[in-house]
Amino acid sequence: MPMTTLADAPLRQARNSAAFWAATGRSRGHEVIRRPGFLAVNGDERAGLRILIQEPATDTAEIIDLVRRAPGPVNLEDPFSATDLSALELRSWQMPVMLRPPGPVEPPLMEVVRVRDEPDLRAAELALIAGFDLTRFEPYRAGEMFPAALLEQPGVDVFAARLDGVIGGACVTMVDEGLGSHYWVGTPPGFRSRGVGRAVMVGSLTALPDLPFTLTASRLGRPLYESLGFVVAADSTWYSGAGPLRP
């Protein structure tokens, strides 16, 4: 596999995101829709619809139809920021796609585990629901966000950091076609500013030191990622709506 560069990072991130969300959809038993220009995972009224643009300036006719018939919340990612989705009544914002070349990192300052069992997976699930304020998954149903089958999907790993014996943060990594990517890097409010986010990132990178990594960074997360060697490659446009949406 050729070295990932800043120029091709958005495309590599798009492909990895599609692999990750297809794995998530399969583990949840949701419909996975593959088209040349996009991948969609059509869930239920709580999980909603996830669409991942795979090519710049993708045709939008089927995307618009899927969004308008969505059973629940809509989330759409365009890492190229090149597809015209102005016909949709969705909130939009931009976040940077970032790339980190392979290389070692300092060991984490707290215990970080690769999640292997049900209790740790549930604790990671709860930490991320709280960390991202995912009210769509409330009231809580164990295994709805992260079914046990997710850990059986090729390339998927969940990492969790323990502070004072309690899982206080987690992330998910997806390895596909020689590239790793991070998803759901988060900590609940009570564990923030205590080094948990850094620990879970460092722990996951330590486990996979020979791979380049991409991610899409929030404004608050970007300084942490830059301190770990991630560099901005391009701006990705994200869209969100409550659904179902009608013409």
Protein backbone atom coordinates (compact mmCIF):
# COMPACT_ATOMS: atom_id res chain seq x y z
CA MET A 1 0.00 0.00 0.00
CA PRO A 2 1.52 3.40 -1.00
CA MET A 3 2.23 5.97 1.70
CA THR A 4 -0.76 8.15 2.57
CA THR A 5 -0.15 11.84 1.78
CA LEU A 6 -2.03 14.98 2.78
CA ALA A 7 -3.41 15.18 -0.76
CA ASP A 8 -5.03 11.74 -0.66
CA ALA A 9 -5.99 11.79 3.04
CA PRO A 10 -9.62 12.90 2.36
CA LEU A 11 -10.17 10.00 -0.04
CA ARG A 12 -8.51 7.50 2.32
CA GLN A 13 -10.60 8.86 5.20
CA ALA A 14 -13.76 8.53 3.09
CA ARG A 15 -12.98 4.90 2.31
CA ASN A 16 -12.16 4.09 5.92
CA SER A 17 -15.32 5.78 7.19
CA ALA A 18 -17.36 3.72 4.76
CA ALA A 19 -15.73 0.53 6.01
CA PHE A 20 -16.34 1.52 9.62
CA TRP A 21 -19.98 2.48 9.19
CA ALA A 22 -20.68 -0.60 7.08
CA ALA A 23 -19.26 -2.70 9.93
CA THR A 24 -21.35 -0.76 12.45
CA GLY A 25 -24.47 -1.20 10.34
CA ARG A 26 -23.90 -4.93 9.97
CA SER A 27 -23.37 -5.34 13.71
CA ARG A 28 -26.62 -3.48 14.41
CA GLY A 29 -28.60 -5.36 11.76
CA HIS A 30 -29.25 -2.20 9.75
CA GLU A 31 -29.49 -1.79 5.97
CA VAL A 32 -26.19 -0.94 4.27
CA ILE A 33 -26.55 0.76 0.88
CA ARG A 34 -23.52 0.92 -1.43
CA ARG A 35 -23.35 3.18 -4.47
CA PRO A 36 -20.36 4.38 -6.54
CA GLY A 37 -20.54 7.85 -4.97
CA PHE A 38 -21.68 7.14 -1.43
CA LEU A 39 -22.37 4.60 1.28
CA ALA A 40 -25.43 4.82 3.52
CA VAL A 41 -26.47 2.98 6.66
CA ASN A 42 -30.21 3.16 7.15
CA GLY A 43 -31.08 2.48 10.77
CA ASP A 44 -34.13 2.84 12.96
CA GLU A 45 -35.78 5.87 14.54
CA ARG A 46 -33.00 6.17 17.16
CA ALA A 47 -29.87 5.34 15.16
CA GLY A 48 -31.13 7.20 12.12
CA LEU A 49 -29.45 7.50 8.73
CA ARG A 50 -25.71 7.88 8.12
CA ILE A 51 -24.41 8.83 4.66
CA LEU A 52 -20.73 8.96 3.68
CA ILE A 53 -19.78 10.65 0.42
CA GLN A 54 -17.13 8.62 -1.41
CA GLU A 55 -16.36 10.73 -4.47
CA PRO A 56 -16.16 14.51 -5.04
CA ALA A 57 -19.28 16.10 -6.54
CA THR A 58 -21.42 12.97 -6.12
CA ASP A 59 -24.86 12.84 -7.74
CA THR A 60 -27.40 13.72 -5.06
CA ALA A 61 -30.77 12.45 -6.33
CA GLU A 62 -30.81 9.23 -4.30
CA ILE A 63 -29.16 10.90 -1.32
CA ILE A 64 -31.90 13.53 -1.18
CA ASP A 65 -34.55 10.82 -1.37
CA LEU A 66 -32.93 8.81 1.44
CA VAL A 67 -32.67 11.88 3.67
CA ARG A 68 -36.27 12.89 3.12
CA ARG A 69 -37.46 9.37 4.02
CA ALA A 70 -35.07 8.92 6.97
CA PRO A 71 -36.66 7.17 9.95
CA GLY A 72 -34.73 9.24 12.48
CA PRO A 73 -31.73 11.58 12.83
CA VAL A 74 -29.65 12.27 9.71
CA ASN A 75 -25.85 12.57 9.70
CA LEU A 76 -23.91 13.05 6.48
CA GLU A 77 -20.18 13.44 5.88
CA ASP A 78 -18.55 14.94 2.79
CA PRO A 79 -14.76 14.84 3.30
CA PHE A 80 -14.24 16.57 -0.05
CA SER A 81 -16.67 19.46 0.64
CA ALA A 82 -17.59 19.29 -3.04
CA THR A 83 -21.15 17.87 -3.24
CA ASP A 84 -24.03 20.36 -3.45
CA LEU A 85 -26.54 19.44 -0.75
CA SER A 86 -28.20 22.85 -0.48
CA ALA A 87 -31.56 21.27 -1.39
CA LEU A 88 -31.65 19.60 2.03
CA GLU A 89 -32.78 21.37 5.18
CA LEU A 90 -29.76 20.25 7.18
CA ARG A 91 -27.43 22.11 9.51
CA SER A 92 -23.86 22.11 8.19
CA TRP A 93 -20.40 22.84 9.56
CA GLN A 94 -16.80 22.01 8.74
CA MET A 95 -14.18 19.98 10.58
CA PRO A 96 -10.63 19.18 9.46
CA VAL A 97 -9.55 15.79 8.17
CA MET A 98 -6.19 15.12 9.83
CA LEU A 99 -3.37 12.70 9.04
CA ARG A 100 -0.67 11.20 11.26
CA PRO A 101 2.21 9.23 9.72
CA PRO A 102 3.32 5.96 11.32
CA GLY A 103 5.47 6.33 14.39
CA PRO A 104 5.81 5.63 18.10
CA VAL A 105 4.18 7.60 20.90
CA GLU A 106 4.88 7.84 24.62
CA PRO A 107 3.05 5.23 26.70
CA PRO A 108 -0.28 6.35 28.21
CA LEU A 109 -0.25 7.64 31.78
CA MET A 110 -3.16 5.43 32.81
CA GLU A 111 -4.41 1.96 31.94
CA VAL A 112 -5.77 1.63 28.41
CA VAL A 113 -7.32 -1.67 27.34
CA ARG A 114 -8.42 -3.11 24.05
CA VAL A 115 -12.00 -4.02 24.90
CA ARG A 116 -12.65 -7.75 24.74
CA ASP A 117 -15.58 -8.45 27.04
CA GLU A 118 -19.17 -7.39 27.56
CA PRO A 119 -18.74 -5.38 30.80
CA ASP A 120 -15.97 -3.20 29.32
CA LEU A 121 -17.91 -2.73 26.08
CA ARG A 122 -20.98 -1.57 27.99
CA ALA A 123 -18.86 0.80 30.10
CA ALA A 124 -17.28 2.24 26.93
CA GLU A 125 -20.71 2.58 25.32
CA LEU A 126 -22.06 4.50 28.32
CA ALA A 127 -18.97 6.73 28.45
CA LEU A 128 -19.38 7.74 24.81
CA ILE A 129 -23.13 8.27 25.00
CA ALA A 130 -22.46 10.69 27.86
CA GLY A 131 -19.37 12.18 26.22
CA PHE A 132 -21.16 13.00 22.98
CA ASP A 133 -24.50 13.78 24.65
CA LEU A 134 -26.19 11.20 22.41
CA THR A 135 -29.74 11.73 23.60
CA ARG A 136 -30.94 9.61 20.68
CA PHE A 137 -29.76 6.58 22.66
CA GLU A 138 -31.68 7.53 25.79
CA PRO A 139 -33.25 5.89 27.66
CA TYR A 140 -30.26 3.58 27.54
CA ARG A 141 -30.56 0.16 25.90
CA ALA A 142 -27.46 -1.95 26.42
CA GLY A 143 -25.78 -2.88 23.15
CA GLU A 144 -27.79 -0.55 20.94
CA MET A 145 -24.87 1.72 20.04
CA PHE A 146 -22.12 -0.91 20.31
CA PRO A 147 -23.52 -4.42 19.87
CA ALA A 148 -21.23 -7.26 20.94
CA ALA A 149 -21.05 -8.18 17.24
CA LEU A 150 -19.13 -4.95 16.58
CA LEU A 151 -16.02 -6.48 18.17
CA GLU A 152 -16.26 -9.35 15.67
CA GLN A 153 -16.14 -7.04 12.63
CA PRO A 154 -12.81 -7.17 10.74
CA GLY A 155 -10.58 -4.20 11.50
CA VAL A 156 -12.68 -2.79 14.36
CA ASP A 157 -11.31 -2.29 17.87
CA VAL A 158 -12.64 -0.41 20.89
CA PHE A 159 -10.10 1.08 23.31
CA ALA A 160 -10.99 2.29 26.80
CA ALA A 161 -9.04 4.19 29.46
CA ARG A 162 -9.44 3.47 33.17
CA LEU A 163 -9.02 6.19 35.77
CA ASP A 164 -9.40 5.27 39.44
CA GLY A 165 -10.61 1.85 38.31
CA VAL A 166 -13.44 3.26 36.20
CA ILE A 167 -13.65 3.52 32.39
CA GLY A 168 -13.60 7.26 31.83
CA GLY A 169 -13.16 7.47 28.07
CA ALA A 170 -13.04 5.41 24.91
CA CYS A 171 -12.50 5.44 21.18
CA VAL A 172 -13.00 3.12 18.24
CA THR A 173 -10.39 2.39 15.58
CA MET A 174 -10.92 0.98 12.10
CA VAL A 175 -8.05 -0.55 10.14
CA ASP A 176 -8.76 -0.98 6.44
CA GLU A 177 -6.46 -1.11 3.40
CA GLY A 178 -3.37 -0.26 5.42
CA LEU A 179 -4.85 2.79 7.13
CA GLY A 180 -6.18 3.30 10.65
CA SER A 181 -8.81 5.87 11.56
CA HIS A 182 -10.26 7.02 14.86
CA TYR A 183 -13.97 7.36 15.66
CA TRP A 184 -15.95 8.24 18.78
CA VAL A 185 -13.02 9.65 20.76
CA GLY A 186 -14.74 10.92 23.89
CA THR A 187 -14.97 11.24 27.65
CA PRO A 188 -17.96 12.00 29.91
CA PRO A 189 -18.02 15.51 31.44
CA GLY A 190 -16.85 14.28 34.85
CA PHE A 191 -13.63 12.84 33.39
CA ARG A 192 -12.56 15.76 31.21
CA SER A 193 -9.33 17.73 31.72
CA ARG A 194 -7.79 14.72 33.49
CA GLY A 195 -5.77 13.29 30.59
CA VAL A 196 -8.25 10.56 29.70
CA GLY A 197 -8.70 11.63 26.08
CA ARG A 198 -4.95 11.74 25.52
CA ALA A 199 -4.54 8.37 27.19
CA VAL A 200 -7.09 6.61 25.02
CA MET A 201 -5.59 8.12 21.87
CA VAL A 202 -2.05 7.20 22.90
CA GLY A 203 -3.12 3.70 23.89
CA SER A 204 -4.72 3.06 20.52
CA LEU A 205 -1.75 4.49 18.60
CA THR A 206 0.69 2.43 20.69
CA ALA A 207 -1.21 -0.70 19.69
CA LEU A 208 -0.82 0.12 15.96
CA PRO A 209 2.50 2.00 15.60
CA ASP A 210 3.21 0.97 12.00
CA LEU A 211 0.08 2.47 10.46
CA PRO A 212 -0.77 5.96 9.25
CA PHE A 213 -3.93 7.28 10.90
CA THR A 214 -6.62 9.72 9.88
CA LEU A 215 -9.48 11.28 11.79
CA THR A 216 -11.94 14.13 11.56
CA ALA A 217 -11.35 16.59 14.38
CA SER A 218 -13.73 18.70 16.40
CA ARG A 219 -12.65 22.20 17.38
CA LEU A 220 -12.01 21.09 20.97
CA GLY A 221 -10.19 17.91 19.94
CA ARG A 222 -7.86 19.45 17.36
CA PRO A 223 -5.15 20.68 19.80
CA LEU A 224 -4.85 17.20 21.31
CA TYR A 225 -4.52 15.59 17.89
CA GLU A 226 -1.94 18.13 16.75
CA SER A 227 0.11 17.41 19.87
CA LEU A 228 0.14 13.74 18.83
CA GLY A 229 1.48 14.49 15.35
CA PHE A 230 -1.74 14.83 13.33
CA VAL A 231 -1.67 17.46 10.56
CA VAL A 232 -4.65 19.06 8.81
CA ALA A 233 -5.17 17.78 5.27
CA ALA A 234 -8.49 19.36 4.25
CA ASP A 235 -11.84 20.51 5.58
CA SER A 236 -14.70 18.02 5.68
CA THR A 237 -18.30 19.24 5.59
CA TRP A 238 -20.78 17.56 7.94
CA TYR A 239 -24.54 17.80 7.82
CA SER A 240 -27.09 16.98 10.47
CA GLY A 241 -30.87 17.03 10.83
CA ALA A 242 -33.63 15.70 13.04
CA GLY A 243 -35.47 13.66 10.39
CA PRO A 244 -37.72 12.55 8.95
CA LEU A 245 -37.50 15.38 6.44
CA ARG A 246 -40.11 16.06 3.79
CA PRO A 247 -40.10 18.08 0.55
